[in-house]
Amino acid sequence: MVKRRPVVVISPRLKRRTGLVSVVPLSTTPPDPIEDYHCEVRMEPPLPTPFDLPTAWVKADMPYTVGFQRLELVRTGRDQYGKRKYLTPVLAPVELARIQHCVLVALGLSGLTKRSE
């Protein structure tokens, strides 16, 4: 993957590995065909342009573990003191569980969890 795109962090903080996170990329274009390792998530509030569609598609077949310093937070301006502000949306736990399930499907490990709808 070459182009810049938003991601969802899917891993918790790990002891002695505080600088690493596992992520899955998001796409504004629906996959063709849609597989069990894809899921659509609602973005509330919507991300800034050019990712400002109300929903995004999780590319759970493309997980990455990266150093946090390689990620670029979305800037939303500055506060009254001139300090930068960043957009840090948090998905609902049920949405994160859906994404994690899709990652397990992509890795061939879907038997490790039950998906409740």
C-alpha atoms as a PDB file:
ATOM      1  CA  MET A   1       0.000   0.000   0.000  1.00  0.00           C
ATOM      2  CA  VAL A   2       1.450   3.299  -1.059  1.00  0.00           C
ATOM      3  CA  LYS A   3      -1.082   6.069  -0.685  1.00  0.00           C
ATOM      4  CA  ARG A   4      -1.993   7.835   2.530  1.00  0.00           C
ATOM      5  CA  ARG A   5      -5.192   6.633   4.124  1.00  0.00           C
ATOM      6  CA  PRO A   6      -6.898   6.585   7.502  1.00  0.00           C
ATOM      7  CA  VAL A   7      -6.440   3.541   9.739  1.00  0.00           C
ATOM      8  CA  VAL A   8      -8.069   1.969  12.771  1.00  0.00           C
ATOM      9  CA  VAL A   9      -5.808   0.914  15.631  1.00  0.00           C
ATOM     10  CA  ILE A  10      -6.860  -2.641  16.525  1.00  0.00           C
ATOM     11  CA  SER A  11      -4.309  -3.527  19.201  1.00  0.00           C
ATOM     12  CA  PRO A  12      -4.115  -2.606  22.869  1.00  0.00           C
ATOM     13  CA  ARG A  13      -0.936  -1.184  24.364  1.00  0.00           C
ATOM     14  CA  LEU A  14       1.595  -3.927  24.918  1.00  0.00           C
ATOM     15  CA  LYS A  15       4.054  -4.103  27.795  1.00  0.00           C
ATOM     16  CA  ARG A  16       7.533  -3.039  26.732  1.00  0.00           C
ATOM     17  CA  ARG A  17       6.235  -2.386  23.181  1.00  0.00           C
ATOM     18  CA  THR A  18       4.596   0.982  23.803  1.00  0.00           C
ATOM     19  CA  GLY A  19       5.724   2.432  20.482  1.00  0.00           C
ATOM     20  CA  LEU A  20       4.032  -0.223  18.319  1.00  0.00           C
ATOM     21  CA  VAL A  21       0.411  -0.465  17.205  1.00  0.00           C
ATOM     22  CA  SER A  22      -1.425  -2.820  14.884  1.00  0.00           C
ATOM     23  CA  VAL A  23      -3.678  -1.103  12.379  1.00  0.00           C
ATOM     24  CA  VAL A  24      -5.988  -1.869   9.475  1.00  0.00           C
ATOM     25  CA  PRO A  25      -6.488   0.624   6.663  1.00  0.00           C
ATOM     26  CA  LEU A  26      -9.797   2.205   5.717  1.00  0.00           C
ATOM     27  CA  SER A  27     -11.065   2.864   2.217  1.00  0.00           C
ATOM     28  CA  THR A  28     -13.841   5.102   0.954  1.00  0.00           C
ATOM     29  CA  THR A  29     -14.352   2.734  -2.005  1.00  0.00           C
ATOM     30  CA  PRO A  30     -16.367  -0.451  -1.421  1.00  0.00           C
ATOM     31  CA  PRO A  31     -14.386  -3.620  -2.192  1.00  0.00           C
ATOM     32  CA  ASP A  32     -15.346  -5.635  -5.262  1.00  0.00           C
ATOM     33  CA  PRO A  33     -16.314  -8.281  -4.345  1.00  0.00           C
ATOM     34  CA  ILE A  34     -17.166  -7.817  -0.669  1.00  0.00           C
ATOM     35  CA  GLU A  35     -15.650 -10.665   1.368  1.00  0.00           C
ATOM     36  CA  ASP A  36     -16.078 -11.823   4.968  1.00  0.00           C
ATOM     37  CA  TYR A  37     -12.904  -9.932   5.901  1.00  0.00           C
ATOM     38  CA  HIS A  38     -14.408  -6.600   4.813  1.00  0.00           C
ATOM     39  CA  CYS A  39     -16.803  -4.554   6.913  1.00  0.00           C
ATOM     40  CA  GLU A  40     -18.334  -1.140   6.611  1.00  0.00           C
ATOM     41  CA  VAL A  41     -18.039   1.219   9.574  1.00  0.00           C
ATOM     42  CA  ARG A  42     -19.850   4.451  10.268  1.00  0.00           C
ATOM     43  CA  MET A  43     -17.565   7.428  10.811  1.00  0.00           C
ATOM     44  CA  GLU A  44     -19.012   9.768  13.442  1.00  0.00           C
ATOM     45  CA  PRO A  45     -17.922  12.457  13.282  1.00  0.00           C
ATOM     46  CA  PRO A  46     -16.918  12.177   9.619  1.00  0.00           C
ATOM     47  CA  LEU A  47     -13.231  12.434   8.838  1.00  0.00           C
ATOM     48  CA  PRO A  48     -11.936  15.538   7.034  1.00  0.00           C
ATOM     49  CA  THR A  49     -11.709  15.793   3.243  1.00  0.00           C
ATOM     50  CA  PRO A  50     -10.883  13.682   1.234  1.00  0.00           C
ATOM     51  CA  PHE A  51     -12.087  10.955   3.625  1.00  0.00           C
ATOM     52  CA  ASP A  52     -15.323  12.717   4.588  1.00  0.00           C
ATOM     53  CA  LEU A  53     -17.836  10.059   3.548  1.00  0.00           C
ATOM     54  CA  PRO A  54     -20.220   8.915   6.311  1.00  0.00           C
ATOM     55  CA  THR A  55     -18.951   5.326   6.063  1.00  0.00           C
ATOM     56  CA  ALA A  56     -15.657   3.635   5.292  1.00  0.00           C
ATOM     57  CA  TRP A  57     -14.627   0.110   4.402  1.00  0.00           C
ATOM     58  CA  VAL A  58     -12.173  -1.784   6.589  1.00  0.00           C
ATOM     59  CA  LYS A  59      -9.459  -3.614   4.665  1.00  0.00           C
ATOM     60  CA  ALA A  60      -8.998  -6.269   7.347  1.00  0.00           C
ATOM     61  CA  ASP A  61      -6.966  -8.446   4.995  1.00  0.00           C
ATOM     62  CA  MET A  62      -4.169  -5.850   5.194  1.00  0.00           C
ATOM     63  CA  PRO A  63      -3.185  -5.531   8.881  1.00  0.00           C
ATOM     64  CA  TYR A  64       0.107  -3.804   9.707  1.00  0.00           C
ATOM     65  CA  THR A  65       2.152  -3.382  12.855  1.00  0.00           C
ATOM     66  CA  VAL A  66       3.876  -0.010  12.752  1.00  0.00           C
ATOM     67  CA  GLY A  67       5.712   2.360  15.008  1.00  0.00           C
ATOM     68  CA  PHE A  68       3.286   4.972  16.319  1.00  0.00           C
ATOM     69  CA  GLN A  69       5.678   7.700  15.153  1.00  0.00           C
ATOM     70  CA  ARG A  70       5.010   6.613  11.540  1.00  0.00           C
ATOM     71  CA  LEU A  71       1.342   7.518  11.853  1.00  0.00           C
ATOM     72  CA  GLU A  72       0.193  11.045  11.185  1.00  0.00           C
ATOM     73  CA  LEU A  73      -2.675  12.256  13.350  1.00  0.00           C
ATOM     74  CA  VAL A  74      -5.368  14.308  11.621  1.00  0.00           C
ATOM     75  CA  ARG A  75      -4.932  17.970  12.568  1.00  0.00           C
ATOM     76  CA  THR A  76      -8.080  19.984  13.221  1.00  0.00           C
ATOM     77  CA  GLY A  77      -6.583  23.389  13.955  1.00  0.00           C
ATOM     78  CA  ARG A  78      -5.244  25.093  17.053  1.00  0.00           C
ATOM     79  CA  ASP A  79      -6.740  25.857  20.427  1.00  0.00           C
ATOM     80  CA  GLN A  80      -6.895  29.319  22.023  1.00  0.00           C
ATOM     81  CA  TYR A  81      -3.285  28.935  23.222  1.00  0.00           C
ATOM     82  CA  GLY A  82      -1.898  27.997  19.809  1.00  0.00           C
ATOM     83  CA  LYS A  83      -1.495  24.306  20.657  1.00  0.00           C
ATOM     84  CA  ARG A  84      -2.357  21.905  17.827  1.00  0.00           C
ATOM     85  CA  LYS A  85      -5.594  19.938  18.103  1.00  0.00           C
ATOM     86  CA  TYR A  86      -6.037  16.490  16.599  1.00  0.00           C
ATOM     87  CA  LEU A  87      -9.022  14.407  15.586  1.00  0.00           C
ATOM     88  CA  THR A  88      -9.026  11.179  17.622  1.00  0.00           C
ATOM     89  CA  PRO A  89     -12.360   9.432  17.074  1.00  0.00           C
ATOM     90  CA  VAL A  90     -13.070   6.292  19.072  1.00  0.00           C
ATOM     91  CA  LEU A  91     -15.180   3.507  17.612  1.00  0.00           C
ATOM     92  CA  ALA A  92     -17.821   1.818  19.733  1.00  0.00           C
ATOM     93  CA  PRO A  93     -16.634  -1.478  21.269  1.00  0.00           C
ATOM     94  CA  VAL A  94     -19.070  -3.443  19.102  1.00  0.00           C
ATOM     95  CA  GLU A  95     -17.588  -1.839  15.951  1.00  0.00           C
ATOM     96  CA  LEU A  96     -14.040  -2.642  17.068  1.00  0.00           C
ATOM     97  CA  ALA A  97     -15.088  -6.248  17.756  1.00  0.00           C
ATOM     98  CA  ARG A  98     -16.509  -6.494  14.215  1.00  0.00           C
ATOM     99  CA  ILE A  99     -13.221  -5.225  12.776  1.00  0.00           C
ATOM    100  CA  GLN A 100     -11.167  -7.624  14.909  1.00  0.00           C
ATOM    101  CA  HIS A 101     -13.382 -10.492  13.747  1.00  0.00           C
ATOM    102  CA  CYS A 102     -12.737  -9.518  10.123  1.00  0.00           C
ATOM    103  CA  VAL A 103      -8.972  -9.536  10.792  1.00  0.00           C
ATOM    104  CA  LEU A 104      -9.256 -13.048  12.243  1.00  0.00           C
ATOM    105  CA  VAL A 105     -11.194 -14.159   9.157  1.00  0.00           C
ATOM    106  CA  ALA A 106      -8.492 -12.695   6.905  1.00  0.00           C
ATOM    107  CA  LEU A 107      -5.801 -14.558   8.856  1.00  0.00           C
ATOM    108  CA  GLY A 108      -7.753 -17.827   8.722  1.00  0.00           C
ATOM    109  CA  LEU A 109      -8.357 -17.699  12.491  1.00  0.00           C
ATOM    110  CA  SER A 110     -12.109 -17.041  12.630  1.00  0.00           C
ATOM    111  CA  GLY A 111     -12.624 -20.177  14.739  1.00  0.00           C
ATOM    112  CA  LEU A 112     -11.058 -18.348  17.688  1.00  0.00           C
ATOM    113  CA  THR A 113     -14.116 -16.173  18.238  1.00  0.00           C
ATOM    114  CA  LYS A 114     -17.852 -16.206  17.860  1.00  0.00           C
ATOM    115  CA  ARG A 115     -19.366 -13.305  15.997  1.00  0.00           C
ATOM    116  CA  SER A 116     -22.542 -12.009  17.564  1.00  0.00           C
ATOM    117  CA  GLU A 117     -24.776  -9.810  15.476  1.00  0.00           C
END
